[in-house]
Amino acid sequence: MVGRFLSLLAVGSLLIPSAAFAQTSQANGGAPAQRRQIPAPTNLKVLPKDTTGPQVISIMRGFTGDLGVECTYCHAKNSETGRPDFASDANPMKDRARVMIKMATAINTEYLTQLADPKAGNPVTCGTCHRGMSKPEVFVPPQREHRTAPPAAPATPQPSN
């Protein structure tokens, strides 16, 4: 049985949507399933350097869900293994993602905090704009009928002589 819930993971000054997973196996009486050791992340340029491997995975799961993409959308593939090379900067989309992470962080920490009644439970995330699409649609407001001023009252005719 896999239980899944969304939460916000505070990593340094970042508020990042994260997917947290609790996994148990009915085959072993409900004991936690065996997991391989997650290595410490390398080449962190936006996330704090002390972010753990499990934290990075949780953060990245949030990003992939918000954008509706897989890991190789931002991470280059290792030519030998065909698997994502997470430390590589070969995919230019990774730099774009870093800029977007900085932007969302700035909105949350610099701008939303200036509002008189900020909603701490509703920070800006990738999903705020992307809504499950790698390239978000441009918002086009619906056209409204513009009210025109009522017609002017007819001028009083001048008496003719």
N, C-alpha and C. Protein backbone atom coordinates (compact mmCIF):
# COMPACT_ATOMS: atom_id res chain seq x y z
N MET A 1 0.86 -1.18 0.00
CA MET A 1 0.00 0.00 0.00
C MET A 1 0.90 1.23 0.00
N VAL A 2 0.61 2.18 -0.86
CA VAL A 2 1.40 3.40 -0.93
C VAL A 2 0.51 4.56 -0.55
N GLY A 3 0.88 5.26 0.52
CA GLY A 3 0.14 6.45 0.93
C GLY A 3 0.86 7.67 0.39
N ARG A 4 0.12 8.63 -0.16
CA ARG A 4 0.76 9.81 -0.76
C ARG A 4 0.03 11.06 -0.29
N PHE A 5 0.78 12.08 0.06
CA PHE A 5 0.17 13.35 0.40
C PHE A 5 1.12 14.45 0.00
N LEU A 6 0.56 15.62 -0.27
CA LEU A 6 1.36 16.78 -0.66
C LEU A 6 1.59 17.64 0.57
N SER A 7 2.78 18.16 0.66
CA SER A 7 3.10 19.06 1.76
C SER A 7 4.08 20.09 1.25
N LEU A 8 4.45 21.00 2.11
CA LEU A 8 5.47 21.97 1.77
C LEU A 8 6.72 21.61 2.54
N LEU A 9 7.80 21.54 1.83
CA LEU A 9 9.08 21.23 2.45
C LEU A 9 9.87 22.52 2.57
N ALA A 10 10.22 22.88 3.76
CA ALA A 10 11.03 24.08 3.96
C ALA A 10 12.49 23.67 3.93
N VAL A 11 13.20 24.12 2.92
CA VAL A 11 14.62 23.84 2.78
C VAL A 11 15.30 25.20 2.72
N GLY A 12 15.99 25.55 3.77
CA GLY A 12 16.60 26.88 3.82
C GLY A 12 15.49 27.92 3.74
N SER A 13 15.62 28.85 2.80
CA SER A 13 14.59 29.88 2.63
C SER A 13 13.58 29.49 1.56
N LEU A 14 13.66 28.25 1.07
CA LEU A 14 12.74 27.81 0.03
C LEU A 14 11.51 27.16 0.62
N LEU A 15 10.37 27.44 0.07
CA LEU A 15 9.15 26.71 0.38
C LEU A 15 8.84 25.95 -0.90
N ILE A 16 8.99 24.65 -0.84
CA ILE A 16 8.90 23.85 -2.05
C ILE A 16 7.83 22.79 -1.87
N PRO A 17 6.95 22.62 -2.90
CA PRO A 17 5.98 21.56 -2.78
C PRO A 17 6.71 20.23 -2.83
N SER A 18 6.33 19.35 -1.99
CA SER A 18 6.99 18.05 -2.00
C SER A 18 5.96 16.96 -1.90
N ALA A 19 6.26 15.85 -2.53
CA ALA A 19 5.41 14.68 -2.41
C ALA A 19 6.09 13.77 -1.40
N ALA A 20 5.39 13.41 -0.36
CA ALA A 20 5.97 12.51 0.64
C ALA A 20 5.28 11.17 0.48
N PHE A 21 6.05 10.13 0.52
CA PHE A 21 5.52 8.80 0.30
C PHE A 21 5.81 7.92 1.49
N ALA A 22 4.79 7.22 1.96
CA ALA A 22 4.97 6.21 3.00
C ALA A 22 4.70 4.89 2.31
N GLN A 23 5.62 3.97 2.40
CA GLN A 23 5.46 2.73 1.68
C GLN A 23 5.60 1.55 2.63
N THR A 24 4.65 0.64 2.58
CA THR A 24 4.73 -0.59 3.34
C THR A 24 4.42 -1.73 2.42
N SER A 25 4.81 -2.91 2.81
CA SER A 25 4.57 -4.09 2.00
C SER A 25 3.69 -5.06 2.78
N GLN A 26 2.61 -5.48 2.17
CA GLN A 26 1.74 -6.46 2.82
C GLN A 26 2.44 -7.80 2.91
N ALA A 27 3.37 -8.05 1.98
CA ALA A 27 4.06 -9.34 1.96
C ALA A 27 4.91 -9.54 3.21
N ASN A 28 5.44 -8.47 3.79
CA ASN A 28 6.28 -8.63 4.99
C ASN A 28 5.57 -8.12 6.24
N GLY A 29 4.25 -8.26 6.25
CA GLY A 29 3.49 -7.94 7.46
C GLY A 29 3.36 -6.47 7.75
N GLY A 30 3.48 -5.61 6.77
CA GLY A 30 3.31 -4.18 6.98
C GLY A 30 4.59 -3.46 7.37
N ALA A 31 5.71 -4.18 7.42
CA ALA A 31 6.99 -3.53 7.74
C ALA A 31 7.40 -2.67 6.55
N PRO A 32 8.16 -1.59 6.80
CA PRO A 32 8.59 -0.74 5.69
C PRO A 32 9.37 -1.56 4.66
N ALA A 33 9.14 -1.24 3.39
CA ALA A 33 9.83 -1.94 2.30
C ALA A 33 11.31 -1.56 2.31
N GLN A 34 12.15 -2.46 1.89
CA GLN A 34 13.59 -2.19 1.79
C GLN A 34 13.82 -1.16 0.68
N ARG A 35 14.67 -0.22 0.93
CA ARG A 35 15.01 0.81 -0.05
C ARG A 35 16.51 0.87 -0.19
N ARG A 36 16.93 1.23 -1.39
CA ARG A 36 18.37 1.38 -1.60
C ARG A 36 18.80 2.71 -0.99
N GLN A 37 20.06 2.77 -0.64
CA GLN A 37 20.61 3.99 -0.04
C GLN A 37 20.63 5.10 -1.09
N ILE A 38 20.12 6.26 -0.75
CA ILE A 38 20.09 7.39 -1.66
C ILE A 38 21.37 8.19 -1.45
N PRO A 39 22.18 8.36 -2.50
CA PRO A 39 23.43 9.08 -2.34
C PRO A 39 23.20 10.57 -2.06
N ALA A 40 24.19 11.19 -1.47
CA ALA A 40 24.13 12.64 -1.23
C ALA A 40 24.15 13.35 -2.58
N PRO A 41 23.34 14.37 -2.75
CA PRO A 41 23.32 15.08 -4.03
C PRO A 41 24.60 15.87 -4.26
N THR A 42 24.93 16.04 -5.53
CA THR A 42 26.10 16.85 -5.90
C THR A 42 25.65 17.92 -6.87
N ASN A 43 26.44 18.94 -7.03
CA ASN A 43 26.19 20.04 -7.98
C ASN A 43 24.90 20.80 -7.65
N LEU A 44 24.65 21.02 -6.36
CA LEU A 44 23.49 21.82 -5.97
C LEU A 44 23.87 23.29 -6.10
N LYS A 45 23.14 24.02 -6.93
CA LYS A 45 23.44 25.44 -7.14
C LYS A 45 22.34 26.36 -6.63
N VAL A 46 21.14 25.84 -6.46
CA VAL A 46 20.03 26.64 -5.94
C VAL A 46 19.57 26.11 -4.60
N LEU A 47 19.43 24.81 -4.49
CA LEU A 47 19.05 24.21 -3.21
C LEU A 47 20.21 24.33 -2.24
N PRO A 48 19.92 24.44 -0.96
CA PRO A 48 21.01 24.53 0.02
C PRO A 48 21.93 23.30 -0.07
N LYS A 49 23.19 23.52 0.14
CA LYS A 49 24.20 22.45 0.01
C LYS A 49 23.96 21.29 0.97
N ASP A 50 23.29 21.55 2.09
CA ASP A 50 23.05 20.47 3.05
C ASP A 50 21.73 19.73 2.80
N THR A 51 21.09 19.96 1.65
CA THR A 51 19.87 19.23 1.31
C THR A 51 20.22 17.77 1.12
N THR A 52 19.47 16.90 1.76
CA THR A 52 19.76 15.46 1.69
C THR A 52 19.20 14.85 0.41
N GLY A 53 19.68 13.67 0.09
CA GLY A 53 19.18 12.94 -1.07
C GLY A 53 17.68 12.74 -1.03
N PRO A 54 17.12 12.23 0.09
CA PRO A 54 15.67 12.07 0.15
C PRO A 54 14.91 13.40 -0.01
N GLN A 55 15.46 14.49 0.54
CA GLN A 55 14.81 15.79 0.38
C GLN A 55 14.81 16.21 -1.10
N VAL A 56 15.95 16.02 -1.78
CA VAL A 56 16.02 16.38 -3.19
C VAL A 56 15.02 15.56 -4.00
N ILE A 57 14.93 14.28 -3.74
CA ILE A 57 13.98 13.43 -4.47
C ILE A 57 12.55 13.92 -4.23
N SER A 58 12.23 14.25 -3.00
CA SER A 58 10.90 14.75 -2.68
C SER A 58 10.61 16.06 -3.41
N ILE A 59 11.57 16.97 -3.42
CA ILE A 59 11.43 18.25 -4.10
C ILE A 59 11.24 18.02 -5.60
N MET A 60 12.06 17.17 -6.17
CA MET A 60 11.99 16.91 -7.62
C MET A 60 10.67 16.24 -8.00
N ARG A 61 10.13 15.39 -7.15
CA ARG A 61 8.82 14.78 -7.43
C ARG A 61 7.75 15.86 -7.49
N GLY A 62 7.87 16.85 -6.61
CA GLY A 62 6.94 17.98 -6.67
C GLY A 62 7.06 18.73 -7.99
N PHE A 63 8.29 18.97 -8.44
CA PHE A 63 8.50 19.67 -9.70
C PHE A 63 7.95 18.88 -10.88
N THR A 64 8.25 17.58 -10.94
CA THR A 64 7.78 16.78 -12.07
C THR A 64 6.25 16.75 -12.11
N GLY A 65 5.62 16.71 -10.94
CA GLY A 65 4.16 16.74 -10.91
C GLY A 65 3.60 18.08 -11.34
N ASP A 66 4.23 19.16 -10.87
CA ASP A 66 3.76 20.50 -11.22
C ASP A 66 3.90 20.80 -12.71
N LEU A 67 4.93 20.21 -13.34
CA LEU A 67 5.18 20.47 -14.75
C LEU A 67 4.71 19.34 -15.67
N GLY A 68 4.31 18.21 -15.11
CA GLY A 68 3.86 17.10 -15.94
C GLY A 68 4.98 16.53 -16.80
N VAL A 69 6.20 16.45 -16.25
CA VAL A 69 7.36 15.98 -17.01
C VAL A 69 8.06 14.86 -16.26
N GLU A 70 9.04 14.27 -16.91
CA GLU A 70 9.90 13.26 -16.29
C GLU A 70 11.24 13.91 -15.98
N CYS A 71 12.09 13.19 -15.28
CA CYS A 71 13.40 13.71 -14.85
C CYS A 71 14.25 14.23 -16.02
N THR A 72 14.20 13.53 -17.16
CA THR A 72 15.06 13.91 -18.28
C THR A 72 14.59 15.17 -19.00
N TYR A 73 13.52 15.77 -18.54
CA TYR A 73 13.12 17.06 -19.09
C TYR A 73 14.19 18.10 -18.73
N CYS A 74 14.73 18.01 -17.53
CA CYS A 74 15.77 18.95 -17.07
C CYS A 74 17.15 18.30 -16.96
N HIS A 75 17.19 17.01 -16.71
CA HIS A 75 18.46 16.32 -16.49
C HIS A 75 18.89 15.59 -17.75
N ALA A 76 20.18 15.75 -18.11
CA ALA A 76 20.74 15.07 -19.28
C ALA A 76 20.82 13.57 -19.00
N LYS A 77 20.74 12.79 -20.08
CA LYS A 77 20.89 11.35 -19.95
C LYS A 77 22.36 10.97 -20.06
N ASN A 78 22.77 9.98 -19.28
CA ASN A 78 24.10 9.41 -19.38
C ASN A 78 24.11 8.57 -20.65
N SER A 79 25.04 8.85 -21.56
CA SER A 79 25.06 8.15 -22.86
C SER A 79 25.34 6.66 -22.71
N GLU A 80 26.04 6.27 -21.66
CA GLU A 80 26.37 4.86 -21.47
C GLU A 80 25.21 4.07 -20.85
N THR A 81 24.56 4.66 -19.87
CA THR A 81 23.50 3.93 -19.15
C THR A 81 22.10 4.27 -19.64
N GLY A 82 21.95 5.43 -20.27
CA GLY A 82 20.62 5.87 -20.69
C GLY A 82 19.79 6.41 -19.54
N ARG A 83 20.38 6.46 -18.35
CA ARG A 83 19.68 6.96 -17.18
C ARG A 83 20.03 8.44 -16.96
N PRO A 84 19.20 9.15 -16.22
CA PRO A 84 19.51 10.57 -15.97
C PRO A 84 20.82 10.73 -15.21
N ASP A 85 21.60 11.71 -15.65
CA ASP A 85 22.84 12.09 -14.97
C ASP A 85 22.50 13.36 -14.19
N PHE A 86 22.09 13.19 -12.95
CA PHE A 86 21.55 14.30 -12.17
C PHE A 86 22.56 15.41 -11.91
N ALA A 87 23.84 15.10 -11.84
CA ALA A 87 24.84 16.12 -11.56
C ALA A 87 25.22 16.93 -12.80
N SER A 88 24.97 16.40 -13.98
CA SER A 88 25.36 17.06 -15.23
C SER A 88 24.58 18.35 -15.46
N ASP A 89 25.26 19.32 -16.06
CA ASP A 89 24.61 20.57 -16.47
C ASP A 89 24.46 20.63 -17.99
N ALA A 90 24.54 19.49 -18.67
CA ALA A 90 24.51 19.46 -20.12
C ALA A 90 23.15 19.86 -20.71
N ASN A 91 22.08 19.65 -19.98
CA ASN A 91 20.75 20.00 -20.50
C ASN A 91 20.46 21.46 -20.14
N PRO A 92 20.31 22.34 -21.14
CA PRO A 92 20.07 23.77 -20.84
C PRO A 92 18.77 24.01 -20.06
N MET A 93 17.86 23.07 -20.10
CA MET A 93 16.61 23.24 -19.36
C MET A 93 16.87 23.26 -17.85
N LYS A 94 17.96 22.65 -17.42
CA LYS A 94 18.29 22.64 -16.00
C LYS A 94 18.60 24.06 -15.51
N ASP A 95 19.30 24.85 -16.33
CA ASP A 95 19.56 26.23 -15.95
C ASP A 95 18.27 27.05 -15.91
N ARG A 96 17.37 26.78 -16.85
CA ARG A 96 16.09 27.48 -16.85
C ARG A 96 15.32 27.14 -15.58
N ALA A 97 15.34 25.88 -15.20
CA ALA A 97 14.65 25.45 -13.98
C ALA A 97 15.23 26.15 -12.76
N ARG A 98 16.54 26.30 -12.72
CA ARG A 98 17.17 26.98 -11.59
C ARG A 98 16.69 28.42 -11.50
N VAL A 99 16.56 29.09 -12.64
CA VAL A 99 16.07 30.48 -12.65
C VAL A 99 14.64 30.52 -12.14
N MET A 100 13.83 29.56 -12.57
CA MET A 100 12.43 29.54 -12.15
C MET A 100 12.31 29.25 -10.64
N ILE A 101 13.17 28.39 -10.12
CA ILE A 101 13.17 28.11 -8.68
C ILE A 101 13.51 29.38 -7.91
N LYS A 102 14.52 30.12 -8.38
CA LYS A 102 14.89 31.38 -7.73
C LYS A 102 13.74 32.38 -7.80
N MET A 103 13.04 32.42 -8.93
CA MET A 103 11.92 33.34 -9.09
C MET A 103 10.81 33.02 -8.09
N ALA A 104 10.42 31.75 -8.00
CA ALA A 104 9.35 31.37 -7.07
C ALA A 104 9.77 31.65 -5.62
N THR A 105 11.03 31.39 -5.31
CA THR A 105 11.53 31.67 -3.96
C THR A 105 11.46 33.16 -3.66
N ALA A 106 11.86 34.00 -4.61
CA ALA A 106 11.81 35.45 -4.41
C ALA A 106 10.37 35.92 -4.23
N ILE A 107 9.46 35.40 -5.01
CA ILE A 107 8.05 35.79 -4.86
C ILE A 107 7.57 35.44 -3.45
N ASN A 108 7.90 34.25 -2.98
CA ASN A 108 7.43 33.81 -1.67
C ASN A 108 8.09 34.55 -0.52
N THR A 109 9.39 34.78 -0.62
CA THR A 109 10.12 35.36 0.52
C THR A 109 10.21 36.88 0.49
N GLU A 110 10.19 37.48 -0.69
CA GLU A 110 10.36 38.93 -0.78
C GLU A 110 9.05 39.68 -1.02
N TYR A 111 8.15 39.08 -1.78
CA TYR A 111 6.96 39.82 -2.18
C TYR A 111 5.71 39.42 -1.40
N LEU A 112 5.44 38.14 -1.29
CA LEU A 112 4.23 37.74 -0.57
C LEU A 112 4.30 38.14 0.90
N THR A 113 5.49 38.22 1.45
CA THR A 113 5.64 38.62 2.85
C THR A 113 5.30 40.10 3.06
N GLN A 114 5.23 40.88 1.99
CA GLN A 114 4.89 42.30 2.11
C GLN A 114 3.39 42.55 2.13
N LEU A 115 2.62 41.53 1.83
CA LEU A 115 1.17 41.70 1.85
C LEU A 115 0.69 41.77 3.29
N ALA A 116 -0.36 42.55 3.52
CA ALA A 116 -0.87 42.73 4.88
C ALA A 116 -1.37 41.41 5.45
N ASP A 117 -1.95 40.56 4.63
CA ASP A 117 -2.49 39.29 5.10
C ASP A 117 -1.98 38.17 4.19
N PRO A 118 -0.67 37.87 4.25
CA PRO A 118 -0.17 36.81 3.36
C PRO A 118 -0.74 35.46 3.78
N LYS A 119 -1.02 34.65 2.82
CA LYS A 119 -1.54 33.31 3.08
C LYS A 119 -0.37 32.35 3.07
N ALA A 120 0.20 32.10 4.24
CA ALA A 120 1.39 31.26 4.35
C ALA A 120 1.15 29.86 3.80
N GLY A 121 -0.06 29.38 3.83
CA GLY A 121 -0.37 28.05 3.33
C GLY A 121 -0.51 27.98 1.82
N ASN A 122 -0.43 29.11 1.14
CA ASN A 122 -0.60 29.15 -0.30
C ASN A 122 0.58 29.83 -0.99
N PRO A 123 1.79 29.29 -0.86
CA PRO A 123 2.91 29.92 -1.54
C PRO A 123 2.86 29.66 -3.04
N VAL A 124 3.58 30.46 -3.78
CA VAL A 124 3.71 30.26 -5.22
C VAL A 124 4.60 29.04 -5.44
N THR A 125 4.16 28.14 -6.28
CA THR A 125 4.94 26.97 -6.65
C THR A 125 5.01 26.90 -8.16
N CYS A 126 5.74 25.95 -8.69
CA CYS A 126 5.79 25.76 -10.14
C CYS A 126 4.38 25.54 -10.68
N GLY A 127 3.57 24.80 -9.92
CA GLY A 127 2.22 24.49 -10.34
C GLY A 127 1.29 25.69 -10.40
N THR A 128 1.64 26.78 -9.72
CA THR A 128 0.81 27.98 -9.74
C THR A 128 0.60 28.44 -11.18
N CYS A 129 1.66 28.41 -11.96
CA CYS A 129 1.57 28.84 -13.36
C CYS A 129 1.50 27.66 -14.32
N HIS A 130 2.31 26.65 -14.07
CA HIS A 130 2.42 25.55 -15.03
C HIS A 130 1.20 24.64 -15.05
N ARG A 131 0.59 24.39 -13.91
CA ARG A 131 -0.62 23.58 -13.81
C ARG A 131 -0.52 22.27 -14.57
N GLY A 132 0.64 21.59 -14.37
CA GLY A 132 0.83 20.28 -14.98
C GLY A 132 1.30 20.29 -16.42
N MET A 133 1.68 21.45 -16.93
CA MET A 133 2.16 21.57 -18.31
C MET A 133 3.57 22.12 -18.32
N SER A 134 4.44 21.53 -19.14
CA SER A 134 5.82 22.02 -19.19
C SER A 134 5.89 23.45 -19.71
N LYS A 135 5.04 23.79 -20.62
CA LYS A 135 4.97 25.16 -21.14
C LYS A 135 3.57 25.67 -20.86
N PRO A 136 3.45 26.51 -19.83
CA PRO A 136 2.11 26.95 -19.44
C PRO A 136 1.44 27.77 -20.54
N GLU A 137 0.13 27.62 -20.61
CA GLU A 137 -0.64 28.40 -21.57
C GLU A 137 -0.65 29.86 -21.14
N VAL A 138 -0.66 30.74 -22.12
CA VAL A 138 -0.75 32.16 -21.83
C VAL A 138 -2.19 32.46 -21.44
N PHE A 139 -2.34 33.19 -20.36
CA PHE A 139 -3.67 33.56 -19.90
C PHE A 139 -4.20 34.70 -20.76
N VAL A 140 -5.36 34.49 -21.31
CA VAL A 140 -6.03 35.53 -22.08
C VAL A 140 -7.37 35.78 -21.40
N PRO A 141 -7.53 36.96 -20.82
CA PRO A 141 -8.78 37.23 -20.13
C PRO A 141 -9.96 37.19 -21.11
N PRO A 142 -11.10 36.73 -20.63
CA PRO A 142 -12.27 36.72 -21.52
C PRO A 142 -12.66 38.14 -21.87
N GLN A 143 -13.18 38.30 -23.08
CA GLN A 143 -13.61 39.64 -23.48
C GLN A 143 -14.87 40.00 -22.74
N ARG A 144 -14.94 41.23 -22.32
CA ARG A 144 -16.13 41.73 -21.63
C ARG A 144 -16.83 42.71 -22.55
N GLU A 145 -18.12 42.78 -22.34
CA GLU A 145 -18.85 43.81 -23.07
C GLU A 145 -18.56 45.13 -22.39
N HIS A 146 -18.14 46.08 -23.18
CA HIS A 146 -17.87 47.40 -22.62
C HIS A 146 -19.16 48.21 -22.65
N ARG A 147 -19.49 48.75 -21.53
CA ARG A 147 -20.68 49.58 -21.47
C ARG A 147 -20.35 50.93 -22.07
N THR A 148 -21.21 51.38 -22.90
CA THR A 148 -21.01 52.71 -23.46
C THR A 148 -21.88 53.68 -22.67
N ALA A 149 -21.50 54.90 -22.72
CA ALA A 149 -22.28 55.92 -22.02
C ALA A 149 -23.65 56.00 -22.68
N PRO A 150 -24.68 56.23 -21.88
CA PRO A 150 -26.01 56.34 -22.48
C PRO A 150 -26.01 57.49 -23.48
N PRO A 151 -26.83 57.37 -24.51
CA PRO A 151 -26.85 58.45 -25.50
C PRO A 151 -27.23 59.78 -24.83
N ALA A 152 -26.61 60.81 -25.32
CA ALA A 152 -26.90 62.13 -24.77
C ALA A 152 -28.32 62.52 -25.11
N ALA A 153 -28.93 63.25 -24.20
CA ALA A 153 -30.29 63.70 -24.45
C ALA A 153 -30.25 64.67 -25.63
N PRO A 154 -31.28 64.59 -26.47
CA PRO A 154 -31.27 65.52 -27.62
C PRO A 154 -31.26 66.96 -27.14
N ALA A 155 -30.54 67.76 -27.86
CA ALA A 155 -30.46 69.18 -27.50
C ALA A 155 -31.83 69.82 -27.72
N THR A 156 -32.13 70.77 -26.88
CA THR A 156 -33.41 71.46 -27.05
C THR A 156 -33.35 72.29 -28.32
N PRO A 157 -34.30 72.06 -29.21
CA PRO A 157 -34.24 72.82 -30.47
C PRO A 157 -34.39 74.33 -30.21
N GLN A 158 -33.64 75.07 -30.96
CA GLN A 158 -33.72 76.54 -30.87
C GLN A 158 -34.96 76.99 -31.62
N PRO A 159 -35.66 77.93 -31.04
CA PRO A 159 -36.85 78.42 -31.75
C PRO A 159 -36.43 79.08 -33.08
N SER A 160 -37.18 78.81 -34.10
CA SER A 160 -36.84 79.42 -35.38
C SER A 160 -37.63 80.73 -35.54
N ASN A 161 -37.00 81.69 -36.12
CA ASN A 161 -37.63 82.99 -36.29
C ASN A 161 -38.15 83.13 -37.64
